[in-house]
């Protein structure tokens, strides 16, 4: 039985400066940065696809400018700002997940942010082992993971294993900052710890 002072859990937090992400998205590095932060599955979802259209369209304009000139999106364009807010939240969430799982060597490609209120309550899921998913190149094609509403959850694929874990996320935006907290509590810890 666990001691009340040593609950086996993972907790991570990160904060991201949105103007920094904005500058990256309006530069020639924008599309590559999106690909670095989001998995292919995350990029294909309808909301990110529509949000990041402006970044990919702007890329052609940047390519035609000579090196060292200022981008046409240097003033705070609301379309770029929306893209920067979204990506800053996802960046902070994935960094928080990495901090919540310090014993695993995670990177952004191992973490997928999904929105689904039922993912942790799925009858097919044992949080300690991870959800039981159908085959998908990244994380599975279970209908529970494809629903795009509800609170965010980090689905974490452990490199070199078939293990998939899930952790609760909270993503917040305030002014120029996006912040995220990730909490992982194995089922065994929740059921055996008594105080």
C-alpha atoms as a PDB file:
ATOM      1  CA  UNK A   1       0.000   0.000   0.000  1.00  0.00           C
ATOM      2  CA  UNK A   2       1.342   3.462  -0.879  1.00  0.00           C
ATOM      3  CA  UNK A   3       2.350   6.007   1.717  1.00  0.00           C
ATOM      4  CA  UNK A   4       0.214   9.201   1.660  1.00  0.00           C
ATOM      5  CA  UNK A   5       3.344  11.311   1.276  1.00  0.00           C
ATOM      6  CA  UNK A   6       4.528   9.465  -1.836  1.00  0.00           C
ATOM      7  CA  UNK A   7       1.633   9.124  -4.259  1.00  0.00           C
ATOM      8  CA  UNK A   8       3.032   7.680  -7.512  1.00  0.00           C
ATOM      9  CA  UNK A   9       1.889  10.288  -9.993  1.00  0.00           C
ATOM     10  CA  UNK A  10       3.292  12.472 -12.707  1.00  0.00           C
ATOM     11  CA  UNK A  11       2.695  16.218 -12.837  1.00  0.00           C
ATOM     12  CA  UNK A  12       4.045  18.619 -15.417  1.00  0.00           C
ATOM     13  CA  UNK A  13       3.523  22.308 -16.224  1.00  0.00           C
ATOM     14  CA  UNK A  14       4.713  24.577 -19.008  1.00  0.00           C
ATOM     15  CA  UNK A  15       4.116  28.139 -20.128  1.00  0.00           C
ATOM     16  CA  UNK A  16       4.650  29.442 -23.649  1.00  0.00           C
ATOM     17  CA  UNK A  17       4.980  33.056 -24.856  1.00  0.00           C
ATOM     18  CA  UNK A  18       2.500  33.405 -27.739  1.00  0.00           C
ATOM     19  CA  UNK A  19       4.365  36.280 -29.483  1.00  0.00           C
ATOM     20  CA  UNK A  20       7.390  33.952 -29.818  1.00  0.00           C
ATOM     21  CA  UNK A  21       5.233  31.379 -31.629  1.00  0.00           C
ATOM     22  CA  UNK A  22       3.685  34.192 -33.705  1.00  0.00           C
ATOM     23  CA  UNK A  23       7.161  35.284 -34.873  1.00  0.00           C
ATOM     24  CA  UNK A  24       8.035  31.711 -35.815  1.00  0.00           C
ATOM     25  CA  UNK A  25       4.761  31.186 -37.722  1.00  0.00           C
ATOM     26  CA  UNK A  26       5.216  34.388 -39.730  1.00  0.00           C
ATOM     27  CA  UNK A  27       8.778  33.432 -40.662  1.00  0.00           C
ATOM     28  CA  UNK A  28      10.019  30.925 -43.201  1.00  0.00           C
ATOM     29  CA  UNK A  29      10.271  28.388 -40.338  1.00  0.00           C
ATOM     30  CA  UNK A  30       6.486  28.437 -39.715  1.00  0.00           C
ATOM     31  CA  UNK A  31       5.367  25.288 -41.564  1.00  0.00           C
ATOM     32  CA  UNK A  32       8.327  23.251 -40.319  1.00  0.00           C
ATOM     33  CA  UNK A  33       7.624  24.322 -36.729  1.00  0.00           C
ATOM     34  CA  UNK A  34       3.979  23.201 -37.060  1.00  0.00           C
ATOM     35  CA  UNK A  35       5.214  19.820 -38.324  1.00  0.00           C
ATOM     36  CA  UNK A  36       7.622  19.567 -35.383  1.00  0.00           C
ATOM     37  CA  UNK A  37       4.978  20.291 -32.723  1.00  0.00           C
ATOM     38  CA  UNK A  38       1.926  18.453 -34.094  1.00  0.00           C
ATOM     39  CA  UNK A  39       1.710  14.833 -35.195  1.00  0.00           C
ATOM     40  CA  UNK A  40       0.461  14.120 -38.702  1.00  0.00           C
ATOM     41  CA  UNK A  41      -2.903  13.039 -37.260  1.00  0.00           C
ATOM     42  CA  UNK A  42      -3.203  16.288 -35.276  1.00  0.00           C
ATOM     43  CA  UNK A  43      -2.380  18.371 -38.363  1.00  0.00           C
ATOM     44  CA  UNK A  44      -5.060  16.582 -40.424  1.00  0.00           C
ATOM     45  CA  UNK A  45      -7.921  17.426 -38.049  1.00  0.00           C
ATOM     46  CA  UNK A  46     -10.352  20.040 -39.418  1.00  0.00           C
ATOM     47  CA  UNK A  47      -9.684  22.767 -36.839  1.00  0.00           C
ATOM     48  CA  UNK A  48      -5.872  22.855 -37.104  1.00  0.00           C
ATOM     49  CA  UNK A  49      -6.066  22.500 -40.881  1.00  0.00           C
ATOM     50  CA  UNK A  50      -8.232  25.626 -41.164  1.00  0.00           C
ATOM     51  CA  UNK A  51      -6.267  27.567 -38.525  1.00  0.00           C
ATOM     52  CA  UNK A  52      -2.894  26.924 -40.179  1.00  0.00           C
ATOM     53  CA  UNK A  53      -4.037  27.635 -43.767  1.00  0.00           C
ATOM     54  CA  UNK A  54      -2.843  31.219 -43.351  1.00  0.00           C
ATOM     55  CA  UNK A  55       0.654  30.057 -42.354  1.00  0.00           C
ATOM     56  CA  UNK A  56       1.069  27.762 -45.353  1.00  0.00           C
ATOM     57  CA  UNK A  57      -0.359  30.395 -47.739  1.00  0.00           C
ATOM     58  CA  UNK A  58       2.021  32.987 -46.294  1.00  0.00           C
ATOM     59  CA  UNK A  59       4.975  30.646 -46.874  1.00  0.00           C
ATOM     60  CA  UNK A  60       4.832  31.288 -50.627  1.00  0.00           C
ATOM     61  CA  UNK A  61       5.054  35.041 -50.052  1.00  0.00           C
ATOM     62  CA  UNK A  62       8.063  34.628 -47.774  1.00  0.00           C
ATOM     63  CA  UNK A  63       9.848  32.428 -50.318  1.00  0.00           C
ATOM     64  CA  UNK A  64       9.522  35.159 -52.948  1.00  0.00           C
ATOM     65  CA  UNK A  65      11.006  37.823 -50.640  1.00  0.00           C
ATOM     66  CA  UNK A  66      14.754  38.333 -50.516  1.00  0.00           C
ATOM     67  CA  UNK A  67      16.657  37.243 -47.385  1.00  0.00           C
ATOM     68  CA  UNK A  68      16.585  39.816 -44.581  1.00  0.00           C
ATOM     69  CA  UNK A  69      13.392  41.645 -45.574  1.00  0.00           C
ATOM     70  CA  UNK A  70      10.528  42.049 -43.166  1.00  0.00           C
ATOM     71  CA  UNK A  71       7.525  39.778 -43.458  1.00  0.00           C
ATOM     72  CA  UNK A  72       4.170  41.320 -44.419  1.00  0.00           C
ATOM     73  CA  UNK A  73       2.649  39.769 -41.277  1.00  0.00           C
ATOM     74  CA  UNK A  74       4.741  41.740 -38.744  1.00  0.00           C
ATOM     75  CA  UNK A  75       1.731  43.618 -37.325  1.00  0.00           C
ATOM     76  CA  UNK A  76      -0.546  41.437 -35.213  1.00  0.00           C
ATOM     77  CA  UNK A  77      -2.682  39.766 -37.867  1.00  0.00           C
ATOM     78  CA  UNK A  78      -5.681  38.124 -36.103  1.00  0.00           C
ATOM     79  CA  UNK A  79      -5.469  35.011 -38.305  1.00  0.00           C
ATOM     80  CA  UNK A  80      -1.811  34.446 -37.423  1.00  0.00           C
ATOM     81  CA  UNK A  81      -2.513  35.275 -33.773  1.00  0.00           C
ATOM     82  CA  UNK A  82      -5.223  32.590 -33.637  1.00  0.00           C
ATOM     83  CA  UNK A  83      -2.779  30.078 -35.134  1.00  0.00           C
ATOM     84  CA  UNK A  84      -0.085  31.148 -32.653  1.00  0.00           C
ATOM     85  CA  UNK A  85      -2.473  30.816 -29.675  1.00  0.00           C
ATOM     86  CA  UNK A  86      -3.516  27.341 -30.755  1.00  0.00           C
ATOM     87  CA  UNK A  87       0.033  26.134 -31.373  1.00  0.00           C
ATOM     88  CA  UNK A  88       1.378  27.729 -28.163  1.00  0.00           C
ATOM     89  CA  UNK A  89      -1.280  25.826 -26.188  1.00  0.00           C
ATOM     90  CA  UNK A  90      -0.343  22.550 -27.868  1.00  0.00           C
ATOM     91  CA  UNK A  91       3.367  23.255 -27.393  1.00  0.00           C
ATOM     92  CA  UNK A  92       2.855  23.940 -23.658  1.00  0.00           C
ATOM     93  CA  UNK A  93       0.653  20.828 -23.311  1.00  0.00           C
ATOM     94  CA  UNK A  94       3.253  18.557 -24.878  1.00  0.00           C
ATOM     95  CA  UNK A  95       6.071  20.068 -22.797  1.00  0.00           C
ATOM     96  CA  UNK A  96       3.926  19.539 -19.667  1.00  0.00           C
ATOM     97  CA  UNK A  97       3.335  15.905 -20.680  1.00  0.00           C
ATOM     98  CA  UNK A  98       7.072  15.363 -21.127  1.00  0.00           C
ATOM     99  CA  UNK A  99       7.611  16.735 -17.600  1.00  0.00           C
ATOM    100  CA  UNK A 100       4.843  14.507 -16.184  1.00  0.00           C
ATOM    101  CA  UNK A 101       6.614  11.420 -17.555  1.00  0.00           C
ATOM    102  CA  UNK A 102      10.282  12.089 -16.677  1.00  0.00           C
ATOM    103  CA  UNK A 103      11.156   8.386 -16.643  1.00  0.00           C
ATOM    104  CA  UNK A 104      10.295   8.037 -20.349  1.00  0.00           C
ATOM    105  CA  UNK A 105      12.200   9.580 -23.236  1.00  0.00           C
ATOM    106  CA  UNK A 106       9.335  11.398 -24.934  1.00  0.00           C
ATOM    107  CA  UNK A 107       9.276  13.853 -27.801  1.00  0.00           C
ATOM    108  CA  UNK A 108       6.417  15.730 -29.467  1.00  0.00           C
ATOM    109  CA  UNK A 109       5.807  12.892 -31.946  1.00  0.00           C
ATOM    110  CA  UNK A 110       5.101  10.494 -29.036  1.00  0.00           C
ATOM    111  CA  UNK A 111       2.319  12.737 -27.701  1.00  0.00           C
ATOM    112  CA  UNK A 112      -1.040  13.361 -29.302  1.00  0.00           C
ATOM    113  CA  UNK A 113      -3.501  15.842 -27.812  1.00  0.00           C
ATOM    114  CA  UNK A 114      -7.088  14.644 -28.211  1.00  0.00           C
ATOM    115  CA  UNK A 115     -10.345  16.200 -27.093  1.00  0.00           C
ATOM    116  CA  UNK A 116     -12.804  13.740 -25.677  1.00  0.00           C
ATOM    117  CA  UNK A 117     -14.729  13.704 -22.420  1.00  0.00           C
ATOM    118  CA  UNK A 118     -15.078   9.921 -22.428  1.00  0.00           C
ATOM    119  CA  UNK A 119     -11.524   8.829 -23.167  1.00  0.00           C
ATOM    120  CA  UNK A 120     -10.573   8.158 -19.540  1.00  0.00           C
ATOM    121  CA  UNK A 121     -13.914   6.473 -18.826  1.00  0.00           C
ATOM    122  CA  UNK A 122     -13.820   4.206 -21.871  1.00  0.00           C
ATOM    123  CA  UNK A 123     -14.787   0.635 -21.025  1.00  0.00           C
ATOM    124  CA  UNK A 124     -11.945  -0.533 -23.286  1.00  0.00           C
ATOM    125  CA  UNK A 125      -9.330   1.380 -21.323  1.00  0.00           C
ATOM    126  CA  UNK A 126      -7.088   0.571 -18.411  1.00  0.00           C
ATOM    127  CA  UNK A 127      -5.158   3.783 -17.665  1.00  0.00           C
ATOM    128  CA  UNK A 128      -2.218   1.878 -16.198  1.00  0.00           C
ATOM    129  CA  UNK A 129      -1.785  -0.027 -19.469  1.00  0.00           C
ATOM    130  CA  UNK A 130      -3.255   2.546 -21.816  1.00  0.00           C
ATOM    131  CA  UNK A 131      -6.249   2.423 -24.129  1.00  0.00           C
ATOM    132  CA  UNK A 132      -6.851  -0.578 -26.344  1.00  0.00           C
ATOM    133  CA  UNK A 133      -6.830   0.912 -29.840  1.00  0.00           C
ATOM    134  CA  UNK A 134      -7.343  -0.420 -33.319  1.00  0.00           C
ATOM    135  CA  UNK A 135      -4.309  -0.231 -35.602  1.00  0.00           C
ATOM    136  CA  UNK A 136      -3.349   3.301 -36.659  1.00  0.00           C
ATOM    137  CA  UNK A 137       0.078   4.470 -37.815  1.00  0.00           C
ATOM    138  CA  UNK A 138       0.355   6.657 -34.731  1.00  0.00           C
ATOM    139  CA  UNK A 139      -2.118   6.090 -31.914  1.00  0.00           C
ATOM    140  CA  UNK A 140      -5.161   4.164 -32.996  1.00  0.00           C
ATOM    141  CA  UNK A 141      -8.416   4.788 -34.768  1.00  0.00           C
ATOM    142  CA  UNK A 142     -10.812   4.207 -31.908  1.00  0.00           C
ATOM    143  CA  UNK A 143     -13.930   6.404 -32.224  1.00  0.00           C
ATOM    144  CA  UNK A 144     -13.194   7.633 -28.696  1.00  0.00           C
ATOM    145  CA  UNK A 145     -10.023   9.315 -29.971  1.00  0.00           C
ATOM    146  CA  UNK A 146     -11.566  10.834 -33.066  1.00  0.00           C
ATOM    147  CA  UNK A 147     -14.311  12.822 -31.344  1.00  0.00           C
ATOM    148  CA  UNK A 148     -13.210  16.455 -31.344  1.00  0.00           C
ATOM    149  CA  UNK A 149     -15.035  17.847 -28.312  1.00  0.00           C
ATOM    150  CA  UNK A 150     -14.482  17.931 -24.591  1.00  0.00           C
ATOM    151  CA  UNK A 151     -11.479  18.428 -22.342  1.00  0.00           C
ATOM    152  CA  UNK A 152      -7.997  17.751 -23.716  1.00  0.00           C
ATOM    153  CA  UNK A 153      -6.183  14.514 -22.962  1.00  0.00           C
ATOM    154  CA  UNK A 154      -2.589  13.571 -23.741  1.00  0.00           C
ATOM    155  CA  UNK A 155      -2.289  10.174 -25.406  1.00  0.00           C
ATOM    156  CA  UNK A 156       1.313   9.067 -25.021  1.00  0.00           C
ATOM    157  CA  UNK A 157       2.974   6.350 -27.062  1.00  0.00           C
ATOM    158  CA  UNK A 158       5.991   4.957 -25.225  1.00  0.00           C
ATOM    159  CA  UNK A 159       8.878   4.588 -27.688  1.00  0.00           C
ATOM    160  CA  UNK A 160      10.025   1.044 -28.373  1.00  0.00           C
ATOM    161  CA  UNK A 161       6.928  -0.552 -26.816  1.00  0.00           C
ATOM    162  CA  UNK A 162       3.276  -1.020 -27.654  1.00  0.00           C
ATOM    163  CA  UNK A 163       2.352   0.806 -24.441  1.00  0.00           C
ATOM    164  CA  UNK A 164      -0.005   3.774 -24.731  1.00  0.00           C
ATOM    165  CA  UNK A 165      -0.805   5.925 -21.691  1.00  0.00           C
ATOM    166  CA  UNK A 166      -3.317   8.729 -21.181  1.00  0.00           C
ATOM    167  CA  UNK A 167      -3.023  11.758 -18.932  1.00  0.00           C
ATOM    168  CA  UNK A 168      -5.360  14.620 -18.050  1.00  0.00           C
ATOM    169  CA  UNK A 169      -4.524  18.051 -19.471  1.00  0.00           C
ATOM    170  CA  UNK A 170      -5.584  21.596 -18.769  1.00  0.00           C
ATOM    171  CA  UNK A 171      -4.664  24.255 -21.337  1.00  0.00           C
ATOM    172  CA  UNK A 172      -5.202  27.964 -20.598  1.00  0.00           C
ATOM    173  CA  UNK A 173      -4.593  31.175 -22.506  1.00  0.00           C
ATOM    174  CA  UNK A 174      -4.228  34.625 -20.927  1.00  0.00           C
ATOM    175  CA  UNK A 175      -2.961  37.621 -22.834  1.00  0.00           C
ATOM    176  CA  UNK A 176       0.403  36.784 -24.361  1.00  0.00           C
ATOM    177  CA  UNK A 177       0.747  33.396 -22.645  1.00  0.00           C
ATOM    178  CA  UNK A 178      -0.479  29.844 -23.048  1.00  0.00           C
ATOM    179  CA  UNK A 179      -0.073  27.519 -20.087  1.00  0.00           C
ATOM    180  CA  UNK A 180      -0.700  23.814 -19.636  1.00  0.00           C
ATOM    181  CA  UNK A 181      -0.726  21.297 -16.805  1.00  0.00           C
ATOM    182  CA  UNK A 182      -0.536  17.538 -17.338  1.00  0.00           C
ATOM    183  CA  UNK A 183      -1.383  15.024 -14.609  1.00  0.00           C
ATOM    184  CA  UNK A 184      -0.933  11.279 -14.746  1.00  0.00           C
ATOM    185  CA  UNK A 185      -2.224   9.051 -11.960  1.00  0.00           C
ATOM    186  CA  UNK A 186      -2.039   5.305 -12.572  1.00  0.00           C
ATOM    187  CA  UNK A 187      -5.209   3.394 -11.696  1.00  0.00           C
ATOM    188  CA  UNK A 188      -3.275   1.273  -9.194  1.00  0.00           C
ATOM    189  CA  UNK A 189      -2.185   4.415  -7.296  1.00  0.00           C
ATOM    190  CA  UNK A 190      -5.714   5.808  -7.186  1.00  0.00           C
ATOM    191  CA  UNK A 191      -7.198   2.589  -5.834  1.00  0.00           C
ATOM    192  CA  UNK A 192      -4.525   1.546  -3.319  1.00  0.00           C
ATOM    193  CA  UNK A 193      -3.570   4.841  -1.655  1.00  0.00           C
ATOM    194  CA  UNK A 194      -5.451   5.384   1.606  1.00  0.00           C
ATOM    195  CA  UNK A 195      -4.888   8.313   3.965  1.00  0.00           C
END
